[in-house]
Amino acid sequence: MYDEPDPNEDGPVDILWLVDRLEELVGVGKRVPFSGRVMVEEEQFLALVDQLRVAVPNSIKQAQRVIREREEILAEAQEEAARVLDTAKKTRGVLRFARGAAERSSPAGRSDPGSRRRAT
């Protein structure tokens, strides 16, 4: 009945694989005449349901971990962006101050603000 290897052998059970096995179980079940019902092997059905019960919480935990990691990465990126912006603002202020100080201390800057452009 199970063509594919059981994913439980090498790692966590894949929920979609289990759902496929349930669907396959219904597909090979015995049809009840004059109804839309199917009889399936109870033991196989309950074994798949038990595996689903185990697999669903693990998948939810994994999804929650991915979301938490994503939020941490975004928070770190926002902090880094704020630091870069703060550094850029400070650098801009220092450069403006240095340029102003240079213009004020320059003899050409005191007498004629346009003289710096003419003297080359």
PDB file of N, CA and C in Angstrom:
ATOM      1  N   MET A   1       0.814  -1.190   0.000  1.00  0.00           N
ATOM      2  CA  MET A   1       0.000   0.000   0.000  1.00  0.00           C
ATOM      3  C   MET A   1       0.861   1.258   0.000  1.00  0.00           C
ATOM      4  N   TYR A   2       2.000   1.248   0.686  1.00  0.00           N
ATOM      5  CA  TYR A   2       2.853   2.414   0.768  1.00  0.00           C
ATOM      6  C   TYR A   2       3.990   2.267  -0.221  1.00  0.00           C
ATOM      7  N   ASP A   3       3.906   3.018  -1.322  1.00  0.00           N
ATOM      8  CA  ASP A   3       4.925   2.951  -2.360  1.00  0.00           C
ATOM      9  C   ASP A   3       6.210   3.648  -1.935  1.00  0.00           C
ATOM     10  N   GLU A   4       6.064   4.768  -1.234  1.00  0.00           N
ATOM     11  CA  GLU A   4       7.218   5.577  -0.854  1.00  0.00           C
ATOM     12  C   GLU A   4       7.742   5.114   0.500  1.00  0.00           C
ATOM     13  N   PRO A   5       9.014   5.355   0.761  1.00  0.00           N
ATOM     14  CA  PRO A   5       9.547   5.004   2.082  1.00  0.00           C
ATOM     15  C   PRO A   5       8.935   5.892   3.148  1.00  0.00           C
ATOM     16  N   ASP A   6       8.830   5.338   4.339  1.00  0.00           N
ATOM     17  CA  ASP A   6       8.271   6.079   5.464  1.00  0.00           C
ATOM     18  C   ASP A   6       9.235   7.191   5.854  1.00  0.00           C
ATOM     19  N   PRO A   7       8.805   8.483   5.775  1.00  0.00           N
ATOM     20  CA  PRO A   7       9.728   9.582   6.106  1.00  0.00           C
ATOM     21  C   PRO A   7      10.094   9.594   7.581  1.00  0.00           C
ATOM     22  N   ASN A   8       9.411   8.819   8.390  1.00  0.00           N
ATOM     23  CA  ASN A   8       9.694   8.781   9.819  1.00  0.00           C
ATOM     24  C   ASN A   8      11.029   8.095  10.101  1.00  0.00           C
ATOM     25  N   GLU A   9      11.529   7.312   9.144  1.00  0.00           N
ATOM     26  CA  GLU A   9      12.780   6.596   9.356  1.00  0.00           C
ATOM     27  C   GLU A   9      13.969   7.541   9.455  1.00  0.00           C
ATOM     28  N   ASP A  10      14.003   8.603   8.661  1.00  0.00           N
ATOM     29  CA  ASP A  10      15.168   9.484   8.615  1.00  0.00           C
ATOM     30  C   ASP A  10      14.954  10.827   9.297  1.00  0.00           C
ATOM     31  N   GLY A  11      13.754  11.153   9.685  1.00  0.00           N
ATOM     32  CA  GLY A  11      13.508  12.459  10.280  1.00  0.00           C
ATOM     33  C   GLY A  11      12.045  12.630  10.619  1.00  0.00           C
ATOM     34  N   PRO A  12      11.630  13.876  10.773  1.00  0.00           N
ATOM     35  CA  PRO A  12      10.246  14.126  11.149  1.00  0.00           C
ATOM     36  C   PRO A  12       9.284  13.718  10.035  1.00  0.00           C
ATOM     37  N   VAL A  13       8.097  13.307  10.445  1.00  0.00           N
ATOM     38  CA  VAL A  13       7.082  12.890   9.490  1.00  0.00           C
ATOM     39  C   VAL A  13       6.498  14.119   8.807  1.00  0.00           C
ATOM     40  N   ASP A  14       6.377  14.031   7.499  1.00  0.00           N
ATOM     41  CA  ASP A  14       5.791  15.115   6.717  1.00  0.00           C
ATOM     42  C   ASP A  14       4.272  14.986   6.762  1.00  0.00           C
ATOM     43  N   ILE A  15       3.610  16.060   7.132  1.00  0.00           N
ATOM     44  CA  ILE A  15       2.157  16.046   7.255  1.00  0.00           C
ATOM     45  C   ILE A  15       1.496  15.709   5.928  1.00  0.00           C
ATOM     46  N   LEU A  16       1.983  16.292   4.849  1.00  0.00           N
ATOM     47  CA  LEU A  16       1.374  16.020   3.553  1.00  0.00           C
ATOM     48  C   LEU A  16       1.540  14.552   3.155  1.00  0.00           C
ATOM     49  N   TRP A  17       2.652  13.948   3.504  1.00  0.00           N
ATOM     50  CA  TRP A  17       2.856  12.535   3.232  1.00  0.00           C
ATOM     51  C   TRP A  17       1.803  11.712   3.973  1.00  0.00           C
ATOM     52  N   LEU A  18       1.547  12.073   5.234  1.00  0.00           N
ATOM     53  CA  LEU A  18       0.542  11.354   6.022  1.00  0.00           C
ATOM     54  C   LEU A  18      -0.855  11.533   5.438  1.00  0.00           C
ATOM     55  N   VAL A  19      -1.167  12.728   5.003  1.00  0.00           N
ATOM     56  CA  VAL A  19      -2.474  12.969   4.383  1.00  0.00           C
ATOM     57  C   VAL A  19      -2.603  12.145   3.104  1.00  0.00           C
ATOM     58  N   ASP A  20      -1.539  12.070   2.338  1.00  0.00           N
ATOM     59  CA  ASP A  20      -1.550  11.225   1.134  1.00  0.00           C
ATOM     60  C   ASP A  20      -1.806   9.765   1.498  1.00  0.00           C
ATOM     61  N   ARG A  21      -1.208   9.290   2.586  1.00  0.00           N
ATOM     62  CA  ARG A  21      -1.424   7.904   3.015  1.00  0.00           C
ATOM     63  C   ARG A  21      -2.874   7.688   3.442  1.00  0.00           C
ATOM     64  N   LEU A  22      -3.464   8.668   4.119  1.00  0.00           N
ATOM     65  CA  LEU A  22      -4.885   8.556   4.481  1.00  0.00           C
ATOM     66  C   LEU A  22      -5.759   8.479   3.233  1.00  0.00           C
ATOM     67  N   GLU A  23      -5.453   9.323   2.271  1.00  0.00           N
ATOM     68  CA  GLU A  23      -6.205   9.324   1.018  1.00  0.00           C
ATOM     69  C   GLU A  23      -6.055   7.977   0.308  1.00  0.00           C
ATOM     70  N   GLU A  24      -4.855   7.445   0.319  1.00  0.00           N
ATOM     71  CA  GLU A  24      -4.602   6.145  -0.293  1.00  0.00           C
ATOM     72  C   GLU A  24      -5.364   5.046   0.437  1.00  0.00           C
ATOM     73  N   LEU A  25      -5.421   5.131   1.758  1.00  0.00           N
ATOM     74  CA  LEU A  25      -6.145   4.157   2.567  1.00  0.00           C
ATOM     75  C   LEU A  25      -7.631   4.149   2.190  1.00  0.00           C
ATOM     76  N   VAL A  26      -8.196   5.319   1.996  1.00  0.00           N
ATOM     77  CA  VAL A  26      -9.591   5.413   1.567  1.00  0.00           C
ATOM     78  C   VAL A  26      -9.747   4.869   0.150  1.00  0.00           C
ATOM     79  N   GLY A  27      -8.767   5.144  -0.700  1.00  0.00           N
ATOM     80  CA  GLY A  27      -8.829   4.690  -2.085  1.00  0.00           C
ATOM     81  C   GLY A  27      -8.823   3.177  -2.229  1.00  0.00           C
ATOM     82  N   VAL A  28      -8.122   2.488  -1.343  1.00  0.00           N
ATOM     83  CA  VAL A  28      -8.056   1.028  -1.432  1.00  0.00           C
ATOM     84  C   VAL A  28      -9.085   0.354  -0.522  1.00  0.00           C
ATOM     85  N   GLY A  29      -9.857   1.152   0.222  1.00  0.00           N
ATOM     86  CA  GLY A  29     -10.870   0.593   1.119  1.00  0.00           C
ATOM     87  C   GLY A  29     -12.010  -0.040   0.348  1.00  0.00           C
ATOM     88  N   LYS A  30     -12.788  -0.841   1.051  1.00  0.00           N
ATOM     89  CA  LYS A  30     -13.931  -1.520   0.448  1.00  0.00           C
ATOM     90  C   LYS A  30     -15.141  -0.594   0.460  1.00  0.00           C
ATOM     91  N   ARG A  31     -15.742  -0.428  -0.684  1.00  0.00           N
ATOM     92  CA  ARG A  31     -16.929   0.419  -0.819  1.00  0.00           C
ATOM     93  C   ARG A  31     -18.145  -0.303  -0.238  1.00  0.00           C
ATOM     94  N   VAL A  32     -18.978   0.447   0.457  1.00  0.00           N
ATOM     95  CA  VAL A  32     -20.247  -0.076   0.963  1.00  0.00           C
ATOM     96  C   VAL A  32     -21.286   0.153  -0.132  1.00  0.00           C
ATOM     97  N   PRO A  33     -21.908  -0.919  -0.616  1.00  0.00           N
ATOM     98  CA  PRO A  33     -22.862  -0.764  -1.720  1.00  0.00           C
ATOM     99  C   PRO A  33     -24.008   0.194  -1.380  1.00  0.00           C
ATOM    100  N   PHE A  34     -24.432   0.928  -2.395  1.00  0.00           N
ATOM    101  CA  PHE A  34     -25.565   1.857  -2.311  1.00  0.00           C
ATOM    102  C   PHE A  34     -25.342   2.976  -1.294  1.00  0.00           C
ATOM    103  N   SER A  35     -24.075   3.358  -1.055  1.00  0.00           N
ATOM    104  CA  SER A  35     -23.770   4.480  -0.156  1.00  0.00           C
ATOM    105  C   SER A  35     -22.461   5.120  -0.606  1.00  0.00           C
ATOM    106  N   GLY A  36     -22.133   6.209  -0.027  1.00  0.00           N
ATOM    107  CA  GLY A  36     -20.874   6.875  -0.327  1.00  0.00           C
ATOM    108  C   GLY A  36     -19.812   6.516   0.690  1.00  0.00           C
ATOM    109  N   ARG A  37     -20.015   5.434   1.383  1.00  0.00           N
ATOM    110  CA  ARG A  37     -19.106   5.045   2.458  1.00  0.00           C
ATOM    111  C   ARG A  37     -18.051   4.047   1.993  1.00  0.00           C
ATOM    112  N   VAL A  38     -16.927   4.095   2.740  1.00  0.00           N
ATOM    113  CA  VAL A  38     -15.814   3.192   2.473  1.00  0.00           C
ATOM    114  C   VAL A  38     -15.373   2.600   3.801  1.00  0.00           C
ATOM    115  N   MET A  39     -15.080   1.303   3.780  1.00  0.00           N
ATOM    116  CA  MET A  39     -14.536   0.668   4.984  1.00  0.00           C
ATOM    117  C   MET A  39     -13.021   0.616   4.832  1.00  0.00           C
ATOM    118  N   VAL A  40     -12.332   1.037   5.870  1.00  0.00           N
ATOM    119  CA  VAL A  40     -10.865   1.010   5.854  1.00  0.00           C
ATOM    120  C   VAL A  40     -10.379   0.186   7.031  1.00  0.00           C
ATOM    121  N   GLU A  41      -9.126  -0.219   6.947  1.00  0.00           N
ATOM    122  CA  GLU A  41      -8.523  -0.962   8.046  1.00  0.00           C
ATOM    123  C   GLU A  41      -8.356  -0.018   9.237  1.00  0.00           C
ATOM    124  N   GLU A  42      -9.016  -0.312  10.309  1.00  0.00           N
ATOM    125  CA  GLU A  42      -9.018   0.563  11.485  1.00  0.00           C
ATOM    126  C   GLU A  42      -7.611   0.772  12.044  1.00  0.00           C
ATOM    127  N   GLU A  43      -6.840  -0.288  12.122  1.00  0.00           N
ATOM    128  CA  GLU A  43      -5.505  -0.190  12.708  1.00  0.00           C
ATOM    129  C   GLU A  43      -4.607   0.745  11.891  1.00  0.00           C
ATOM    130  N   GLN A  44      -4.662   0.613  10.558  1.00  0.00           N
ATOM    131  CA  GLN A  44      -3.853   1.486   9.695  1.00  0.00           C
ATOM    132  C   GLN A  44      -4.324   2.934   9.801  1.00  0.00           C
ATOM    133  N   PHE A  45      -5.636   3.121   9.814  1.00  0.00           N
ATOM    134  CA  PHE A  45      -6.188   4.473   9.914  1.00  0.00           C
ATOM    135  C   PHE A  45      -5.761   5.133  11.224  1.00  0.00           C
ATOM    136  N   LEU A  46      -5.923   4.421  12.334  1.00  0.00           N
ATOM    137  CA  LEU A  46      -5.572   4.997  13.635  1.00  0.00           C
ATOM    138  C   LEU A  46      -4.069   5.253  13.756  1.00  0.00           C
ATOM    139  N   ALA A  47      -3.252   4.412  13.139  1.00  0.00           N
ATOM    140  CA  ALA A  47      -1.798   4.635  13.163  1.00  0.00           C
ATOM    141  C   ALA A  47      -1.455   5.937  12.442  1.00  0.00           C
ATOM    142  N   LEU A  48      -2.094   6.188  11.298  1.00  0.00           N
ATOM    143  CA  LEU A  48      -1.846   7.435  10.558  1.00  0.00           C
ATOM    144  C   LEU A  48      -2.347   8.648  11.343  1.00  0.00           C
ATOM    145  N   VAL A  49      -3.488   8.533  11.983  1.00  0.00           N
ATOM    146  CA  VAL A  49      -4.015   9.633  12.791  1.00  0.00           C
ATOM    147  C   VAL A  49      -3.074   9.943  13.948  1.00  0.00           C
ATOM    148  N   ASP A  50      -2.538   8.895  14.590  1.00  0.00           N
ATOM    149  CA  ASP A  50      -1.575   9.114  15.685  1.00  0.00           C
ATOM    150  C   ASP A  50      -0.329   9.837  15.178  1.00  0.00           C
ATOM    151  N   GLN A  51       0.158   9.450  14.000  1.00  0.00           N
ATOM    152  CA  GLN A  51       1.333  10.120  13.436  1.00  0.00           C
ATOM    153  C   GLN A  51       1.017  11.578  13.114  1.00  0.00           C
ATOM    154  N   LEU A  52      -0.193  11.834  12.642  1.00  0.00           N
ATOM    155  CA  LEU A  52      -0.598  13.227  12.370  1.00  0.00           C
ATOM    156  C   LEU A  52      -0.627  14.047  13.654  1.00  0.00           C
ATOM    157  N   ARG A  53      -1.101  13.449  14.725  1.00  0.00           N
ATOM    158  CA  ARG A  53      -1.149  14.157  16.015  1.00  0.00           C
ATOM    159  C   ARG A  53       0.243  14.578  16.470  1.00  0.00           C
ATOM    160  N   VAL A  54       1.226  13.732  16.193  1.00  0.00           N
ATOM    161  CA  VAL A  54       2.609  14.044  16.568  1.00  0.00           C
ATOM    162  C   VAL A  54       3.198  15.073  15.605  1.00  0.00           C
ATOM    163  N   ALA A  55       2.920  14.904  14.308  1.00  0.00           N
ATOM    164  CA  ALA A  55       3.536  15.749  13.284  1.00  0.00           C
ATOM    165  C   ALA A  55       3.015  17.176  13.303  1.00  0.00           C
ATOM    166  N   VAL A  56       1.743  17.378  13.559  1.00  0.00           N
ATOM    167  CA  VAL A  56       1.168  18.730  13.522  1.00  0.00           C
ATOM    168  C   VAL A  56       1.807  19.643  14.566  1.00  0.00           C
ATOM    169  N   PRO A  57       1.911  19.235  15.823  1.00  0.00           N
ATOM    170  CA  PRO A  57       2.568  20.133  16.786  1.00  0.00           C
ATOM    171  C   PRO A  57       4.011  20.450  16.408  1.00  0.00           C
ATOM    172  N   ASN A  58       4.753  19.476  15.850  1.00  0.00           N
ATOM    173  CA  ASN A  58       6.134  19.747  15.443  1.00  0.00           C
ATOM    174  C   ASN A  58       6.170  20.771  14.319  1.00  0.00           C
ATOM    175  N   SER A  59       5.245  20.661  13.382  1.00  0.00           N
ATOM    176  CA  SER A  59       5.202  21.628  12.283  1.00  0.00           C
ATOM    177  C   SER A  59       4.849  23.014  12.804  1.00  0.00           C
ATOM    178  N   ILE A  60       3.953  23.075  13.745  1.00  0.00           N
ATOM    179  CA  ILE A  60       3.579  24.368  14.322  1.00  0.00           C
ATOM    180  C   ILE A  60       4.766  24.970  15.073  1.00  0.00           C
ATOM    181  N   LYS A  61       5.478  24.143  15.833  1.00  0.00           N
ATOM    182  CA  LYS A  61       6.666  24.631  16.544  1.00  0.00           C
ATOM    183  C   LYS A  61       7.709  25.148  15.563  1.00  0.00           C
ATOM    184  N   GLN A  62       7.903  24.415  14.469  1.00  0.00           N
ATOM    185  CA  GLN A  62       8.881  24.842  13.465  1.00  0.00           C
ATOM    186  C   GLN A  62       8.454  26.165  12.836  1.00  0.00           C
ATOM    187  N   ALA A  63       7.172  26.313  12.517  1.00  0.00           N
ATOM    188  CA  ALA A  63       6.678  27.561  11.929  1.00  0.00           C
ATOM    189  C   ALA A  63       6.839  28.718  12.913  1.00  0.00           C
ATOM    190  N   GLN A  64       6.559  28.470  14.185  1.00  0.00           N
ATOM    191  CA  GLN A  64       6.728  29.517  15.195  1.00  0.00           C
ATOM    192  C   GLN A  64       8.192  29.921  15.318  1.00  0.00           C
ATOM    193  N   ARG A  65       9.097  28.938  15.235  1.00  0.00           N
ATOM    194  CA  ARG A  65      10.531  29.244  15.315  1.00  0.00           C
ATOM    195  C   ARG A  65      10.967  30.091  14.121  1.00  0.00           C
ATOM    196  N   VAL A  66      10.463  29.768  12.937  1.00  0.00           N
ATOM    197  CA  VAL A  66      10.802  30.539  11.738  1.00  0.00           C
ATOM    198  C   VAL A  66      10.292  31.967  11.876  1.00  0.00           C
ATOM    199  N   ILE A  67       9.078  32.130  12.375  1.00  0.00           N
ATOM    200  CA  ILE A  67       8.508  33.472  12.558  1.00  0.00           C
ATOM    201  C   ILE A  67       9.329  34.254  13.583  1.00  0.00           C
ATOM    202  N   ARG A  68       9.702  33.602  14.678  1.00  0.00           N
ATOM    203  CA  ARG A  68      10.501  34.268  15.718  1.00  0.00           C
ATOM    204  C   ARG A  68      11.853  34.702  15.158  1.00  0.00           C
ATOM    205  N   GLU A  69      12.503  33.813  14.389  1.00  0.00           N
ATOM    206  CA  GLU A  69      13.793  34.161  13.790  1.00  0.00           C
ATOM    207  C   GLU A  69      13.644  35.326  12.819  1.00  0.00           C
ATOM    208  N   ARG A  70      12.558  35.323  12.051  1.00  0.00           N
ATOM    209  CA  ARG A  70      12.300  36.411  11.100  1.00  0.00           C
ATOM    210  C   ARG A  70      12.154  37.737  11.846  1.00  0.00           C
ATOM    211  N   GLU A  71      11.401  37.711  12.949  1.00  0.00           N
ATOM    212  CA  GLU A  71      11.213  38.935  13.736  1.00  0.00           C
ATOM    213  C   GLU A  71      12.526  39.426  14.326  1.00  0.00           C
ATOM    214  N   GLU A  72      13.376  38.495  14.775  1.00  0.00           N
ATOM    215  CA  GLU A  72      14.678  38.878  15.323  1.00  0.00           C
ATOM    216  C   GLU A  72      15.556  39.508  14.245  1.00  0.00           C
ATOM    217  N   ILE A  73      15.546  38.918  13.060  1.00  0.00           N
ATOM    218  CA  ILE A  73      16.346  39.460  11.957  1.00  0.00           C
ATOM    219  C   ILE A  73      15.867  40.850  11.583  1.00  0.00           C
ATOM    220  N   LEU A  74      14.554  41.037  11.515  1.00  0.00           N
ATOM    221  CA  LEU A  74      14.007  42.359  11.188  1.00  0.00           C
ATOM    222  C   LEU A  74      14.363  43.385  12.258  1.00  0.00           C
ATOM    223  N   ALA A  75      14.282  42.991  13.523  1.00  0.00           N
ATOM    224  CA  ALA A  75      14.623  43.915  14.606  1.00  0.00           C
ATOM    225  C   ALA A  75      16.099  44.307  14.535  1.00  0.00           C
ATOM    226  N   GLU A  76      16.971  43.331  14.272  1.00  0.00           N
ATOM    227  CA  GLU A  76      18.406  43.629  14.137  1.00  0.00           C
ATOM    228  C   GLU A  76      18.658  44.560  12.955  1.00  0.00           C
ATOM    229  N   ALA A  77      17.966  44.320  11.863  1.00  0.00           N
ATOM    230  CA  ALA A  77      18.131  45.168  10.674  1.00  0.00           C
ATOM    231  C   ALA A  77      17.670  46.593  10.958  1.00  0.00           C
ATOM    232  N   GLN A  78      16.562  46.738  11.681  1.00  0.00           N
ATOM    233  CA  GLN A  78      16.083  48.075  12.017  1.00  0.00           C
ATOM    234  C   GLN A  78      17.051  48.795  12.951  1.00  0.00           C
ATOM    235  N   GLU A  79      17.617  48.063  13.910  1.00  0.00           N
ATOM    236  CA  GLU A  79      18.605  48.658  14.806  1.00  0.00           C
ATOM    237  C   GLU A  79      19.844  49.098  14.029  1.00  0.00           C
ATOM    238  N   GLU A  80      20.304  48.259  13.125  1.00  0.00           N
ATOM    239  CA  GLU A  80      21.472  48.597  12.311  1.00  0.00           C
ATOM    240  C   GLU A  80      21.182  49.806  11.428  1.00  0.00           C
ATOM    241  N   ALA A  81      19.988  49.851  10.848  1.00  0.00           N
ATOM    242  CA  ALA A  81      19.614  50.999  10.010  1.00  0.00           C
ATOM    243  C   ALA A  81      19.589  52.279  10.841  1.00  0.00           C
ATOM    244  N   ALA A  82      19.087  52.200  12.069  1.00  0.00           N
ATOM    245  CA  ALA A  82      19.069  53.377  12.936  1.00  0.00           C
ATOM    246  C   ALA A  82      20.486  53.825  13.275  1.00  0.00           C
ATOM    247  N   ARG A  83      21.389  52.853  13.535  1.00  0.00           N
ATOM    248  CA  ARG A  83      22.782  53.202  13.829  1.00  0.00           C
ATOM    249  C   ARG A  83      23.446  53.853  12.626  1.00  0.00           C
ATOM    250  N   VAL A  84      23.221  53.308  11.435  1.00  0.00           N
ATOM    251  CA  VAL A  84      23.813  53.876  10.217  1.00  0.00           C
ATOM    252  C   VAL A  84      23.293  55.287   9.998  1.00  0.00           C
ATOM    253  N   LEU A  85      22.002  55.488  10.175  1.00  0.00           N
ATOM    254  CA  LEU A  85      21.407  56.813   9.997  1.00  0.00           C
ATOM    255  C   LEU A  85      21.970  57.802  11.019  1.00  0.00           C
ATOM    256  N   ASP A  86      22.102  57.363  12.260  1.00  0.00           N
ATOM    257  CA  ASP A  86      22.659  58.230  13.302  1.00  0.00           C
ATOM    258  C   ASP A  86      24.102  58.605  12.979  1.00  0.00           C
ATOM    259  N   THR A  87      24.888  57.633  12.536  1.00  0.00           N
ATOM    260  CA  THR A  87      26.285  57.898  12.159  1.00  0.00           C
ATOM    261  C   THR A  87      26.352  58.873  10.996  1.00  0.00           C
ATOM    262  N   ALA A  88      25.461  58.688  10.019  1.00  0.00           N
ATOM    263  CA  ALA A  88      25.448  59.580   8.855  1.00  0.00           C
ATOM    264  C   ALA A  88      25.102  61.012   9.274  1.00  0.00           C
ATOM    265  N   LYS A  89      24.148  61.156  10.181  1.00  0.00           N
ATOM    266  CA  LYS A  89      23.768  62.494  10.648  1.00  0.00           C
ATOM    267  C   LYS A  89      24.925  63.151  11.398  1.00  0.00           C
ATOM    268  N   LYS A  90      25.605  62.371  12.248  1.00  0.00           N
ATOM    269  CA  LYS A  90      26.741  62.917  12.988  1.00  0.00           C
ATOM    270  C   LYS A  90      27.862  63.315  12.036  1.00  0.00           C
ATOM    271  N   THR A  91      28.129  62.470  11.050  1.00  0.00           N
ATOM    272  CA  THR A  91      29.174  62.769  10.071  1.00  0.00           C
ATOM    273  C   THR A  91      28.832  64.024   9.286  1.00  0.00           C
ATOM    274  N   ARG A  92      27.575  64.156   8.907  1.00  0.00           N
ATOM    275  CA  ARG A  92      27.142  65.347   8.182  1.00  0.00           C
ATOM    276  C   ARG A  92      27.368  66.598   9.037  1.00  0.00           C
ATOM    277  N   GLY A  93      27.047  66.518  10.320  1.00  0.00           N
ATOM    278  CA  GLY A  93      27.258  67.660  11.212  1.00  0.00           C
ATOM    279  C   GLY A  93      28.726  68.018  11.355  1.00  0.00           C
ATOM    280  N   VAL A  94      29.571  66.992  11.487  1.00  0.00           N
ATOM    281  CA  VAL A  94      31.014  67.234  11.611  1.00  0.00           C
ATOM    282  C   VAL A  94      31.545  67.866  10.334  1.00  0.00           C
ATOM    283  N   LEU A  95      31.120  67.359   9.184  1.00  0.00           N
ATOM    284  CA  LEU A  95      31.589  67.914   7.913  1.00  0.00           C
ATOM    285  C   LEU A  95      31.128  69.358   7.733  1.00  0.00           C
ATOM    286  N   ARG A  96      29.898  69.637   8.117  1.00  0.00           N
ATOM    287  CA  ARG A  96      29.414  71.019   8.020  1.00  0.00           C
ATOM    288  C   ARG A  96      30.218  71.933   8.933  1.00  0.00           C
ATOM    289  N   PHE A  97      30.483  71.465  10.148  1.00  0.00           N
ATOM    290  CA  PHE A  97      31.256  72.266  11.097  1.00  0.00           C
ATOM    291  C   PHE A  97      32.661  72.493  10.557  1.00  0.00           C
ATOM    292  N   ALA A  98      33.286  71.430  10.034  1.00  0.00           N
ATOM    293  CA  ALA A  98      34.660  71.553   9.521  1.00  0.00           C
ATOM    294  C   ALA A  98      34.696  72.488   8.316  1.00  0.00           C
ATOM    295  N   ARG A  99      33.724  72.381   7.448  1.00  0.00           N
ATOM    296  CA  ARG A  99      33.703  73.267   6.276  1.00  0.00           C
ATOM    297  C   ARG A  99      33.501  74.719   6.716  1.00  0.00           C
ATOM    298  N   GLY A 100      32.606  74.917   7.665  1.00  0.00           N
ATOM    299  CA  GLY A 100      32.389  76.282   8.168  1.00  0.00           C
ATOM    300  C   GLY A 100      33.624  76.837   8.847  1.00  0.00           C
ATOM    301  N   ALA A 101      34.308  75.995   9.638  1.00  0.00           N
ATOM    302  CA  ALA A 101      35.524  76.443  10.317  1.00  0.00           C
ATOM    303  C   ALA A 101      36.605  76.762   9.295  1.00  0.00           C
ATOM    304  N   ALA A 102      36.713  75.959   8.255  1.00  0.00           N
ATOM    305  CA  ALA A 102      37.720  76.203   7.225  1.00  0.00           C
ATOM    306  C   ALA A 102      37.436  77.496   6.489  1.00  0.00           C
ATOM    307  N   GLU A 103      36.178  77.749   6.212  1.00  0.00           N
ATOM    308  CA  GLU A 103      35.821  78.994   5.517  1.00  0.00           C
ATOM    309  C   GLU A 103      36.070  80.215   6.399  1.00  0.00           C
ATOM    310  N   ARG A 104      35.806  80.067   7.682  1.00  0.00           N
ATOM    311  CA  ARG A 104      36.008  81.198   8.590  1.00  0.00           C
ATOM    312  C   ARG A 104      37.489  81.481   8.817  1.00  0.00           C
ATOM    313  N   SER A 105      38.308  80.435   8.821  1.00  0.00           N
ATOM    314  CA  SER A 105      39.733  80.648   9.094  1.00  0.00           C
ATOM    315  C   SER A 105      40.512  81.031   7.834  1.00  0.00           C
ATOM    316  N   SER A 106      39.929  80.832   6.690  1.00  0.00           N
ATOM    317  CA  SER A 106      40.606  81.154   5.433  1.00  0.00           C
ATOM    318  C   SER A 106      40.599  82.669   5.219  1.00  0.00           C
ATOM    319  N   PRO A 107      41.761  83.272   4.859  1.00  0.00           N
ATOM    320  CA  PRO A 107      41.773  84.717   4.619  1.00  0.00           C
ATOM    321  C   PRO A 107      40.867  85.093   3.454  1.00  0.00           C
ATOM    322  N   ALA A 108      40.792  84.264   2.441  1.00  0.00           N
ATOM    323  CA  ALA A 108      39.938  84.585   1.295  1.00  0.00           C
ATOM    324  C   ALA A 108      38.466  84.492   1.695  1.00  0.00           C
ATOM    325  N   GLY A 109      38.141  83.563   2.601  1.00  0.00           N
ATOM    326  CA  GLY A 109      36.754  83.395   3.018  1.00  0.00           C
ATOM    327  C   GLY A 109      36.232  84.565   3.815  1.00  0.00           C
ATOM    328  N   ARG A 110      37.122  85.294   4.524  1.00  0.00           N
ATOM    329  CA  ARG A 110      36.670  86.415   5.350  1.00  0.00           C
ATOM    330  C   ARG A 110      36.396  87.644   4.519  1.00  0.00           C
ATOM    331  N   SER A 111      37.198  87.900   3.498  1.00  0.00           N
ATOM    332  CA  SER A 111      37.038  89.146   2.762  1.00  0.00           C
ATOM    333  C   SER A 111      35.948  89.051   1.708  1.00  0.00           C
ATOM    334  N   ASP A 112      35.890  87.960   0.983  1.00  0.00           N
ATOM    335  CA  ASP A 112      34.918  87.859  -0.100  1.00  0.00           C
ATOM    336  C   ASP A 112      34.502  86.395  -0.237  1.00  0.00           C
ATOM    337  N   PRO A 113      33.269  86.081   0.092  1.00  0.00           N
ATOM    338  CA  PRO A 113      32.847  84.678   0.022  1.00  0.00           C
ATOM    339  C   PRO A 113      32.969  84.107  -1.376  1.00  0.00           C
ATOM    340  N   GLY A 114      32.883  84.891  -2.415  1.00  0.00           N
ATOM    341  CA  GLY A 114      32.992  84.390  -3.773  1.00  0.00           C
ATOM    342  C   GLY A 114      34.422  84.276  -4.265  1.00  0.00           C
ATOM    343  N   SER A 115      35.391  84.778  -3.498  1.00  0.00           N
ATOM    344  CA  SER A 115      36.778  84.773  -3.961  1.00  0.00           C
ATOM    345  C   SER A 115      37.337  83.361  -4.047  1.00  0.00           C
ATOM    346  N   ARG A 116      36.801  82.437  -3.300  1.00  0.00           N
ATOM    347  CA  ARG A 116      37.308  81.072  -3.320  1.00  0.00           C
ATOM    348  C   ARG A 116      37.037  80.453  -4.692  1.00  0.00           C
ATOM    349  N   ARG A 117      35.936  80.812  -5.291  1.00  0.00           N
ATOM    350  CA  ARG A 117      35.600  80.262  -6.590  1.00  0.00           C
ATOM    351  C   ARG A 117      36.473  80.883  -7.700  1.00  0.00           C
ATOM    352  N   ARG A 118      36.861  82.125  -7.529  1.00  0.00           N
ATOM    353  CA  ARG A 118      37.660  82.780  -8.558  1.00  0.00           C
ATOM    354  C   ARG A 118      39.116  82.355  -8.497  1.00  0.00           C
ATOM    355  N   ALA A 119      39.647  82.141  -7.317  1.00  0.00           N
ATOM    356  CA  ALA A 119      41.063  81.785  -7.186  1.00  0.00           C
ATOM    357  C   ALA A 119      41.235  80.313  -7.441  1.00  0.00           C
ATOM    358  N   THR A 120      41.903  79.980  -8.565  1.00  0.00           N
ATOM    359  CA  THR A 120      42.165  78.579  -8.907  1.00  0.00           C
ATOM    360  C   THR A 120      43.597  78.326  -9.172  1.00  0.00           C
TER     361      THR A 120
END
